[in-house]
PDB file of N, CA and C in Angstrom:
ATOM      1  N   MET A   1     -80.644  34.566 -54.509  1.00  0.00           N
ATOM      2  CA  MET A   1     -81.202  34.095 -53.669  1.00  0.00           C
ATOM      3  C   MET A   1     -82.628  33.907 -53.853  1.00  0.00           C
ATOM      4  N   ALA A   2     -83.077  35.072 -54.272  1.00  0.00           N
ATOM      5  CA  ALA A   2     -84.668  35.322 -54.638  1.00  0.00           C
ATOM      6  C   ALA A   2     -84.944  34.623 -55.728  1.00  0.00           C
ATOM      7  N   ALA A   3     -84.110  34.374 -57.028  1.00  0.00           N
ATOM      8  CA  ALA A   3     -84.422  33.527 -57.938  1.00  0.00           C
ATOM      9  C   ALA A   3     -84.567  32.148 -57.964  1.00  0.00           C
ATOM     10  N   ASN A   4     -83.835  31.498 -56.639  1.00  0.00           N
ATOM     11  CA  ASN A   4     -84.014  30.388 -56.194  1.00  0.00           C
ATOM     12  C   ASN A   4     -84.554  29.753 -54.865  1.00  0.00           C
ATOM     13  N   ASP A   5     -85.143  31.016 -54.442  1.00  0.00           N
ATOM     14  CA  ASP A   5     -86.295  31.174 -53.371  1.00  0.00           C
ATOM     15  C   ASP A   5     -85.455  30.174 -52.244  1.00  0.00           C
ATOM     16  N   TRP A   6     -84.334  30.736 -51.835  1.00  0.00           N
ATOM     17  CA  TRP A   6     -83.583  30.022 -50.591  1.00  0.00           C
ATOM     18  C   TRP A   6     -82.997  31.183 -49.860  1.00  0.00           C
ATOM     19  N   LEU A   7     -82.883  31.279 -48.654  1.00  0.00           N
ATOM     20  CA  LEU A   7     -82.271  32.260 -47.676  1.00  0.00           C
ATOM     21  C   LEU A   7     -81.456  31.475 -46.482  1.00  0.00           C
ATOM     22  N   SER A   8     -80.143  31.557 -46.745  1.00  0.00           N
ATOM     23  CA  SER A   8     -79.380  31.119 -46.072  1.00  0.00           C
ATOM     24  C   SER A   8     -77.885  31.527 -46.469  1.00  0.00           C
ATOM     25  N   HIS A   9     -76.972  31.413 -45.369  1.00  0.00           N
ATOM     26  CA  HIS A   9     -75.568  32.035 -45.574  1.00  0.00           C
ATOM     27  C   HIS A   9     -75.057  30.919 -46.328  1.00  0.00           C
ATOM     28  N   TYR A  10     -75.456  29.635 -46.293  1.00  0.00           N
ATOM     29  CA  TYR A  10     -74.836  28.554 -47.251  1.00  0.00           C
ATOM     30  C   TYR A  10     -75.729  28.315 -48.453  1.00  0.00           C
ATOM     31  N   GLY A  11     -75.267  28.354 -49.479  1.00  0.00           N
ATOM     32  CA  GLY A  11     -75.708  27.886 -50.772  1.00  0.00           C
ATOM     33  C   GLY A  11     -76.157  26.647 -50.944  1.00  0.00           C
ATOM     34  N   PRO A  12     -77.346  26.420 -51.766  1.00  0.00           N
ATOM     35  CA  PRO A  12     -77.821  24.899 -52.352  1.00  0.00           C
ATOM     36  C   PRO A  12     -76.625  24.316 -52.790  1.00  0.00           C
ATOM     37  N   ASP A  13     -75.535  25.148 -53.441  1.00  0.00           N
ATOM     38  CA  ASP A  13     -74.544  24.611 -54.303  1.00  0.00           C
ATOM     39  C   ASP A  13     -73.256  24.385 -53.388  1.00  0.00           C
ATOM     40  N   GLY A  14     -73.057  24.451 -51.924  1.00  0.00           N
ATOM     41  CA  GLY A  14     -72.365  24.502 -51.191  1.00  0.00           C
ATOM     42  C   GLY A  14     -71.573  25.673 -51.047  1.00  0.00           C
ATOM     43  N   SER A  15     -71.879  26.756 -51.676  1.00  0.00           N
ATOM     44  CA  SER A  15     -71.345  28.133 -51.398  1.00  0.00           C
ATOM     45  C   SER A  15     -71.366  28.628 -50.081  1.00  0.00           C
ATOM     46  N   THR A  16     -70.388  29.721 -49.605  1.00  0.00           N
ATOM     47  CA  THR A  16     -70.635  29.952 -48.366  1.00  0.00           C
ATOM     48  C   THR A  16     -70.370  31.506 -48.729  1.00  0.00           C
ATOM     49  N   VAL A  17     -70.393  32.483 -47.691  1.00  0.00           N
ATOM     50  CA  VAL A  17     -70.351  34.045 -47.601  1.00  0.00           C
ATOM     51  C   VAL A  17     -68.880  34.218 -48.254  1.00  0.00           C
ATOM     52  N   ALA A  18     -68.084  33.573 -47.688  1.00  0.00           N
ATOM     53  CA  ALA A  18     -66.558  33.835 -48.342  1.00  0.00           C
ATOM     54  C   ALA A  18     -66.331  33.553 -49.833  1.00  0.00           C
ATOM     55  N   SER A  19     -67.004  32.208 -50.033  1.00  0.00           N
ATOM     56  CA  SER A  19     -66.820  31.906 -51.357  1.00  0.00           C
ATOM     57  C   SER A  19     -67.533  32.555 -52.322  1.00  0.00           C
ATOM     58  N   ARG A  20     -68.817  33.220 -52.350  1.00  0.00           N
ATOM     59  CA  ARG A  20     -69.561  34.039 -53.038  1.00  0.00           C
ATOM     60  C   ARG A  20     -68.672  35.378 -53.020  1.00  0.00           C
ATOM     61  N   ALA A  21     -68.421  35.890 -51.919  1.00  0.00           N
ATOM     62  CA  ALA A  21     -67.433  37.193 -52.080  1.00  0.00           C
ATOM     63  C   ALA A  21     -66.523  37.487 -52.830  1.00  0.00           C
ATOM     64  N   GLU A  22     -65.528  35.982 -52.727  1.00  0.00           N
ATOM     65  CA  GLU A  22     -64.420  35.980 -53.618  1.00  0.00           C
ATOM     66  C   GLU A  22     -64.805  35.977 -55.050  1.00  0.00           C
ATOM     67  N   ALA A  23     -65.811  34.862 -55.320  1.00  0.00           N
ATOM     68  CA  ALA A  23     -66.240  34.844 -56.393  1.00  0.00           C
ATOM     69  C   ALA A  23     -66.824  36.176 -57.456  1.00  0.00           C
ATOM     70  N   ALA A  24     -67.263  37.052 -56.276  1.00  0.00           N
ATOM     71  CA  ALA A  24     -67.647  38.338 -56.960  1.00  0.00           C
ATOM     72  C   ALA A  24     -66.444  39.394 -57.118  1.00  0.00           C
ATOM     73  N   GLY A  25     -64.998  38.836 -56.885  1.00  0.00           N
ATOM     74  CA  GLY A  25     -64.229  39.685 -56.902  1.00  0.00           C
ATOM     75  C   GLY A  25     -63.654  40.539 -55.320  1.00  0.00           C
ATOM     76  N   TYR A  26     -64.313  40.324 -54.532  1.00  0.00           N
ATOM     77  CA  TYR A  26     -64.184  40.803 -53.129  1.00  0.00           C
ATOM     78  C   TYR A  26     -62.927  39.662 -52.542  1.00  0.00           C
ATOM     79  N   THR A  27     -61.551  40.159 -52.998  1.00  0.00           N
ATOM     80  CA  THR A  27     -60.751  39.125 -52.121  1.00  0.00           C
ATOM     81  C   THR A  27     -59.662  40.131 -51.236  1.00  0.00           C
ATOM     82  N   GLY A  28     -59.054  39.361 -50.751  1.00  0.00           N
ATOM     83  CA  GLY A  28     -58.038  39.953 -49.583  1.00  0.00           C
ATOM     84  C   GLY A  28     -58.634  40.385 -48.174  1.00  0.00           C
ATOM     85  N   TRP A  29     -59.717  39.953 -48.272  1.00  0.00           N
ATOM     86  CA  TRP A  29     -60.596  40.386 -47.036  1.00  0.00           C
ATOM     87  C   TRP A  29     -59.802  39.886 -45.971  1.00  0.00           C
ATOM     88  N   ILE A  30     -60.049  40.655 -44.679  1.00  0.00           N
ATOM     89  CA  ILE A  30     -59.519  40.233 -43.515  1.00  0.00           C
ATOM     90  C   ILE A  30     -60.846  40.097 -42.197  1.00  0.00           C
ATOM     91  N   TYR A  31     -62.015  40.744 -42.810  1.00  0.00           N
ATOM     92  CA  TYR A  31     -63.234  40.709 -42.213  1.00  0.00           C
ATOM     93  C   TYR A  31     -64.382  40.428 -42.927  1.00  0.00           C
ATOM     94  N   LEU A  32     -65.405  39.546 -42.655  1.00  0.00           N
ATOM     95  CA  LEU A  32     -66.438  39.288 -43.555  1.00  0.00           C
ATOM     96  C   LEU A  32     -67.605  38.918 -42.575  1.00  0.00           C
ATOM     97  N   ALA A  33     -68.935  39.629 -42.774  1.00  0.00           N
ATOM     98  CA  ALA A  33     -70.055  39.016 -42.321  1.00  0.00           C
ATOM     99  C   ALA A  33     -71.255  39.357 -43.029  1.00  0.00           C
ATOM    100  N   GLU A  34     -72.312  38.823 -42.995  1.00  0.00           N
ATOM    101  CA  GLU A  34     -73.550  38.903 -43.704  1.00  0.00           C
ATOM    102  C   GLU A  34     -74.941  39.015 -43.070  1.00  0.00           C
ATOM    103  N   ASN A  35     -75.675  40.048 -43.446  1.00  0.00           N
ATOM    104  CA  ASN A  35     -77.005  39.819 -42.736  1.00  0.00           C
ATOM    105  C   ASN A  35     -78.188  39.696 -44.147  1.00  0.00           C
ATOM    106  N   LEU A  36     -79.076  38.876 -43.746  1.00  0.00           N
ATOM    107  CA  LEU A  36     -79.829  38.450 -44.688  1.00  0.00           C
ATOM    108  C   LEU A  36     -81.345  38.934 -44.347  1.00  0.00           C
ATOM    109  N   TYR A  37     -82.240  38.934 -45.315  1.00  0.00           N
ATOM    110  CA  TYR A  37     -83.498  39.282 -44.795  1.00  0.00           C
ATOM    111  C   TYR A  37     -84.652  38.875 -46.053  1.00  0.00           C
ATOM    112  N   ARG A  38     -85.649  38.275 -45.747  1.00  0.00           N
ATOM    113  CA  ARG A  38     -86.842  38.117 -46.562  1.00  0.00           C
ATOM    114  C   ARG A  38     -88.203  38.490 -45.920  1.00  0.00           C
ATOM    115  N   GLY A  39     -89.026  39.243 -46.492  1.00  0.00           N
ATOM    116  CA  GLY A  39     -90.058  39.639 -46.005  1.00  0.00           C
ATOM    117  C   GLY A  39     -90.891  40.057 -47.262  1.00  0.00           C
ATOM    118  N   TYR A  40     -92.104  40.604 -46.826  1.00  0.00           N
ATOM    119  CA  TYR A  40     -93.321  41.009 -47.953  1.00  0.00           C
ATOM    120  C   TYR A  40     -92.636  42.153 -48.686  1.00  0.00           C
ATOM    121  N   TYR A  41     -93.003  42.287 -49.923  1.00  0.00           N
ATOM    122  CA  TYR A  41     -92.809  43.249 -50.794  1.00  0.00           C
ATOM    123  C   TYR A  41     -92.704  44.751 -50.141  1.00  0.00           C
ATOM    124  N   GLY A  42     -93.838  45.106 -49.655  1.00  0.00           N
ATOM    125  CA  GLY A  42     -94.363  46.276 -48.806  1.00  0.00           C
ATOM    126  C   GLY A  42     -93.720  46.688 -47.598  1.00  0.00           C
ATOM    127  N   ASP A  43     -92.907  45.855 -47.053  1.00  0.00           N
ATOM    128  CA  ASP A  43     -91.985  46.357 -46.061  1.00  0.00           C
ATOM    129  C   ASP A  43     -91.159  47.577 -45.960  1.00  0.00           C
ATOM    130  N   PRO A  44     -91.299  48.407 -45.169  1.00  0.00           N
ATOM    131  CA  PRO A  44     -90.616  49.586 -45.360  1.00  0.00           C
ATOM    132  C   PRO A  44     -89.032  49.529 -44.877  1.00  0.00           C
ATOM    133  N   ALA A  45     -88.250  50.137 -45.408  1.00  0.00           N
ATOM    134  CA  ALA A  45     -86.813  49.930 -45.031  1.00  0.00           C
ATOM    135  C   ALA A  45     -86.623  50.247 -43.637  1.00  0.00           C
ATOM    136  N   ASP A  46     -87.356  50.754 -42.790  1.00  0.00           N
ATOM    137  CA  ASP A  46     -86.994  50.941 -41.391  1.00  0.00           C
ATOM    138  C   ASP A  46     -87.362  49.698 -40.678  1.00  0.00           C
ATOM    139  N   SER A  47     -88.439  48.911 -41.379  1.00  0.00           N
ATOM    140  CA  SER A  47     -88.840  48.016 -40.646  1.00  0.00           C
ATOM    141  C   SER A  47     -87.773  46.757 -40.852  1.00  0.00           C
ATOM    142  N   ILE A  48     -87.148  46.749 -41.939  1.00  0.00           N
ATOM    143  CA  ILE A  48     -85.984  45.870 -42.349  1.00  0.00           C
ATOM    144  C   ILE A  48     -84.787  46.126 -41.309  1.00  0.00           C
ATOM    145  N   ILE A  49     -84.503  47.211 -41.044  1.00  0.00           N
ATOM    146  CA  ILE A  49     -83.413  47.816 -40.414  1.00  0.00           C
ATOM    147  C   ILE A  49     -83.660  47.367 -39.018  1.00  0.00           C
ATOM    148  N   GLN A  50     -84.946  47.496 -38.628  1.00  0.00           N
ATOM    149  CA  GLN A  50     -85.468  47.505 -37.111  1.00  0.00           C
ATOM    150  C   GLN A  50     -85.261  45.542 -36.973  1.00  0.00           C
ATOM    151  N   ALA A  51     -85.651  44.932 -37.827  1.00  0.00           N
ATOM    152  CA  ALA A  51     -85.669  43.467 -37.830  1.00  0.00           C
ATOM    153  C   ALA A  51     -84.439  42.928 -37.597  1.00  0.00           C
ATOM    154  N   TRP A  52     -83.225  43.479 -38.315  1.00  0.00           N
ATOM    155  CA  TRP A  52     -81.807  43.171 -38.103  1.00  0.00           C
ATOM    156  C   TRP A  52     -81.327  43.836 -36.734  1.00  0.00           C
ATOM    157  N   SER A  53     -81.560  44.839 -36.357  1.00  0.00           N
ATOM    158  CA  SER A  53     -81.354  45.235 -35.095  1.00  0.00           C
ATOM    159  C   SER A  53     -81.864  44.616 -33.975  1.00  0.00           C
ATOM    160  N   ASP A  54     -82.961  44.000 -34.160  1.00  0.00           N
ATOM    161  CA  ASP A  54     -83.881  43.248 -33.088  1.00  0.00           C
ATOM    162  C   ASP A  54     -82.820  41.938 -32.812  1.00  0.00           C
ATOM    163  N   SER A  55     -82.003  41.761 -33.595  1.00  0.00           N
ATOM    164  CA  SER A  55     -81.146  40.406 -33.428  1.00  0.00           C
ATOM    165  C   SER A  55     -79.687  40.678 -32.984  1.00  0.00           C
ATOM    166  N   ALA A  56     -79.298  40.146 -31.859  1.00  0.00           N
ATOM    167  CA  ALA A  56     -77.880  40.425 -31.447  1.00  0.00           C
ATOM    168  C   ALA A  56     -76.763  40.296 -32.412  1.00  0.00           C
ATOM    169  N   THR A  57     -76.954  39.182 -33.172  1.00  0.00           N
ATOM    170  CA  THR A  57     -75.986  38.675 -34.349  1.00  0.00           C
ATOM    171  C   THR A  57     -75.955  39.629 -35.184  1.00  0.00           C
ATOM    172  N   HIS A  58     -77.051  40.070 -35.820  1.00  0.00           N
ATOM    173  CA  HIS A  58     -77.226  41.058 -36.869  1.00  0.00           C
ATOM    174  C   HIS A  58     -76.729  42.396 -36.433  1.00  0.00           C
ATOM    175  N   LEU A  59     -77.092  42.771 -35.533  1.00  0.00           N
ATOM    176  CA  LEU A  59     -76.570  44.262 -34.674  1.00  0.00           C
ATOM    177  C   LEU A  59     -75.341  44.155 -34.834  1.00  0.00           C
ATOM    178  N   SER A  60     -74.650  43.206 -34.128  1.00  0.00           N
ATOM    179  CA  SER A  60     -73.269  43.060 -34.137  1.00  0.00           C
ATOM    180  C   SER A  60     -72.528  43.126 -35.347  1.00  0.00           C
ATOM    181  N   SER A  61     -73.085  42.707 -36.498  1.00  0.00           N
ATOM    182  CA  SER A  61     -72.603  42.954 -37.812  1.00  0.00           C
ATOM    183  C   SER A  61     -72.635  44.457 -38.336  1.00  0.00           C
ATOM    184  N   MET A  62     -73.774  45.126 -38.208  1.00  0.00           N
ATOM    185  CA  MET A  62     -74.250  46.420 -38.618  1.00  0.00           C
ATOM    186  C   MET A  62     -73.031  47.191 -38.093  1.00  0.00           C
ATOM    187  N   LEU A  63     -72.854  47.066 -36.551  1.00  0.00           N
ATOM    188  CA  LEU A  63     -72.118  48.037 -35.531  1.00  0.00           C
ATOM    189  C   LEU A  63     -70.698  47.449 -35.603  1.00  0.00           C
ATOM    190  N   SER A  64     -70.128  46.750 -36.150  1.00  0.00           N
ATOM    191  CA  SER A  64     -68.587  45.898 -36.077  1.00  0.00           C
ATOM    192  C   SER A  64     -67.650  47.058 -36.232  1.00  0.00           C
ATOM    193  N   GLY A  65     -66.846  47.417 -35.502  1.00  0.00           N
ATOM    194  CA  GLY A  65     -65.811  48.424 -35.597  1.00  0.00           C
ATOM    195  C   GLY A  65     -64.577  47.725 -36.812  1.00  0.00           C
ATOM    196  N   GLN A  66     -64.952  46.274 -36.989  1.00  0.00           N
ATOM    197  CA  GLN A  66     -63.831  45.725 -38.006  1.00  0.00           C
ATOM    198  C   GLN A  66     -64.147  46.016 -39.341  1.00  0.00           C
ATOM    199  N   ALA A  67     -65.506  46.411 -39.727  1.00  0.00           N
ATOM    200  CA  ALA A  67     -66.151  46.296 -41.000  1.00  0.00           C
ATOM    201  C   ALA A  67     -65.693  47.813 -41.564  1.00  0.00           C
ATOM    202  N   THR A  68     -64.944  47.907 -42.563  1.00  0.00           N
ATOM    203  CA  THR A  68     -64.733  49.358 -43.389  1.00  0.00           C
ATOM    204  C   THR A  68     -65.311  49.472 -44.733  1.00  0.00           C
ATOM    205  N   GLU A  69     -65.974  48.501 -45.033  1.00  0.00           N
ATOM    206  CA  GLU A  69     -66.656  48.517 -46.513  1.00  0.00           C
ATOM    207  C   GLU A  69     -68.111  47.818 -46.212  1.00  0.00           C
ATOM    208  N   ILE A  70     -69.149  48.449 -47.090  1.00  0.00           N
ATOM    209  CA  ILE A  70     -70.294  47.673 -46.954  1.00  0.00           C
ATOM    210  C   ILE A  70     -71.089  47.683 -48.216  1.00  0.00           C
ATOM    211  N   GLY A  71     -71.665  46.467 -48.419  1.00  0.00           N
ATOM    212  CA  GLY A  71     -72.286  46.350 -49.984  1.00  0.00           C
ATOM    213  C   GLY A  71     -73.772  45.953 -49.449  1.00  0.00           C
ATOM    214  N   VAL A  72     -75.145  46.395 -50.111  1.00  0.00           N
ATOM    215  CA  VAL A  72     -76.285  46.266 -49.682  1.00  0.00           C
ATOM    216  C   VAL A  72     -77.126  46.275 -51.118  1.00  0.00           C
ATOM    217  N   ALA A  73     -77.818  45.145 -51.120  1.00  0.00           N
ATOM    218  CA  ALA A  73     -78.694  44.820 -52.414  1.00  0.00           C
ATOM    219  C   ALA A  73     -80.075  44.200 -52.021  1.00  0.00           C
ATOM    220  N   CYS A  74     -81.252  44.773 -52.467  1.00  0.00           N
ATOM    221  CA  CYS A  74     -82.444  44.238 -52.461  1.00  0.00           C
ATOM    222  C   CYS A  74     -82.944  43.887 -53.629  1.00  0.00           C
ATOM    223  N   ALA A  75     -83.811  42.583 -53.724  1.00  0.00           N
ATOM    224  CA  ALA A  75     -84.552  42.307 -54.841  1.00  0.00           C
ATOM    225  C   ALA A  75     -85.778  41.832 -54.448  1.00  0.00           C
ATOM    226  N   VAL A  76     -86.848  41.876 -55.512  1.00  0.00           N
ATOM    227  CA  VAL A  76     -88.088  41.679 -55.424  1.00  0.00           C
ATOM    228  C   VAL A  76     -88.356  40.484 -56.141  1.00  0.00           C
ATOM    229  N   SER A  77     -89.308  39.354 -55.627  1.00  0.00           N
ATOM    230  CA  SER A  77     -89.398  38.198 -56.260  1.00  0.00           C
ATOM    231  C   SER A  77     -90.974  37.591 -55.808  1.00  0.00           C
ATOM    232  N   GLY A  78     -91.872  37.815 -56.812  1.00  0.00           N
ATOM    233  CA  GLY A  78     -93.228  37.369 -56.383  1.00  0.00           C
ATOM    234  C   GLY A  78     -93.667  38.512 -55.300  1.00  0.00           C
ATOM    235  N   ASP A  79     -94.090  38.015 -54.131  1.00  0.00           N
ATOM    236  CA  ASP A  79     -94.691  39.139 -53.395  1.00  0.00           C
ATOM    237  C   ASP A  79     -93.462  39.367 -51.837  1.00  0.00           C
ATOM    238  N   TYR A  80     -92.336  38.931 -52.253  1.00  0.00           N
ATOM    239  CA  TYR A  80     -91.239  39.164 -51.304  1.00  0.00           C
ATOM    240  C   TYR A  80     -90.180  39.806 -51.763  1.00  0.00           C
ATOM    241  N   ARG A  81     -89.524  40.585 -50.708  1.00  0.00           N
ATOM    242  CA  ARG A  81     -88.454  41.313 -50.738  1.00  0.00           C
ATOM    243  C   ARG A  81     -87.305  40.527 -50.278  1.00  0.00           C
ATOM    244  N   TRP A  82     -86.106  40.548 -50.780  1.00  0.00           N
ATOM    245  CA  TRP A  82     -85.048  39.972 -50.397  1.00  0.00           C
ATOM    246  C   TRP A  82     -83.960  40.859 -50.232  1.00  0.00           C
ATOM    247  N   CYS A  83     -83.200  40.944 -48.898  1.00  0.00           N
ATOM    248  CA  CYS A  83     -82.138  42.088 -48.598  1.00  0.00           C
ATOM    249  C   CYS A  83     -80.805  41.522 -48.411  1.00  0.00           C
ATOM    250  N   VAL A  84     -79.761  41.884 -48.862  1.00  0.00           N
ATOM    251  CA  VAL A  84     -78.500  41.519 -48.210  1.00  0.00           C
ATOM    252  C   VAL A  84     -77.684  42.600 -47.697  1.00  0.00           C
ATOM    253  N   GLN A  85     -77.176  42.353 -46.537  1.00  0.00           N
ATOM    254  CA  GLN A  85     -75.884  43.418 -46.216  1.00  0.00           C
ATOM    255  C   GLN A  85     -74.700  42.446 -46.184  1.00  0.00           C
ATOM    256  N   GLU A  86     -73.340  43.233 -46.649  1.00  0.00           N
ATOM    257  CA  GLU A  86     -72.471  42.487 -46.750  1.00  0.00           C
ATOM    258  C   GLU A  86     -71.332  43.344 -46.006  1.00  0.00           C
ATOM    259  N   PHE A  87     -70.643  42.867 -45.197  1.00  0.00           N
ATOM    260  CA  PHE A  87     -69.728  43.848 -44.334  1.00  0.00           C
ATOM    261  C   PHE A  87     -68.339  43.283 -44.394  1.00  0.00           C
ATOM    262  N   GLY A  88     -67.128  44.064 -44.751  1.00  0.00           N
ATOM    263  CA  GLY A  88     -66.150  43.443 -44.814  1.00  0.00           C
ATOM    264  C   GLY A  88     -65.039  44.742 -44.622  1.00  0.00           C
ATOM    265  N   ALA A  89     -63.872  44.051 -44.638  1.00  0.00           N
ATOM    266  CA  ALA A  89     -62.608  44.845 -44.283  1.00  0.00           C
ATOM    267  C   ALA A  89     -61.257  44.354 -45.154  1.00  0.00           C
ATOM    268  N   ARG A  90     -60.600  44.976 -45.803  1.00  0.00           N
ATOM    269  CA  ARG A  90     -59.316  44.153 -46.680  1.00  0.00           C
ATOM    270  C   ARG A  90     -58.140  44.947 -46.029  1.00  0.00           C
TER     271      ARG A  90
END
């Protein structure tokens, strides 16, 4: 996402959260959710979590009782930090 400067659950190539997870080897899932963030490089981690928490949809993903696994990644590109949380259950 950072390399291509896009922020969406749907890729410019038509990919989806599910298709990207499966392409990365995360198969057999029964639950899958994704939170995305793009902000300035200097944003502290707690402000990123707060931004997700301020959104009912994102907070629901973080607190989901269905998720048993999580993956988190951040990348920096230019002045921006891009972060992704992936929640799943298999």
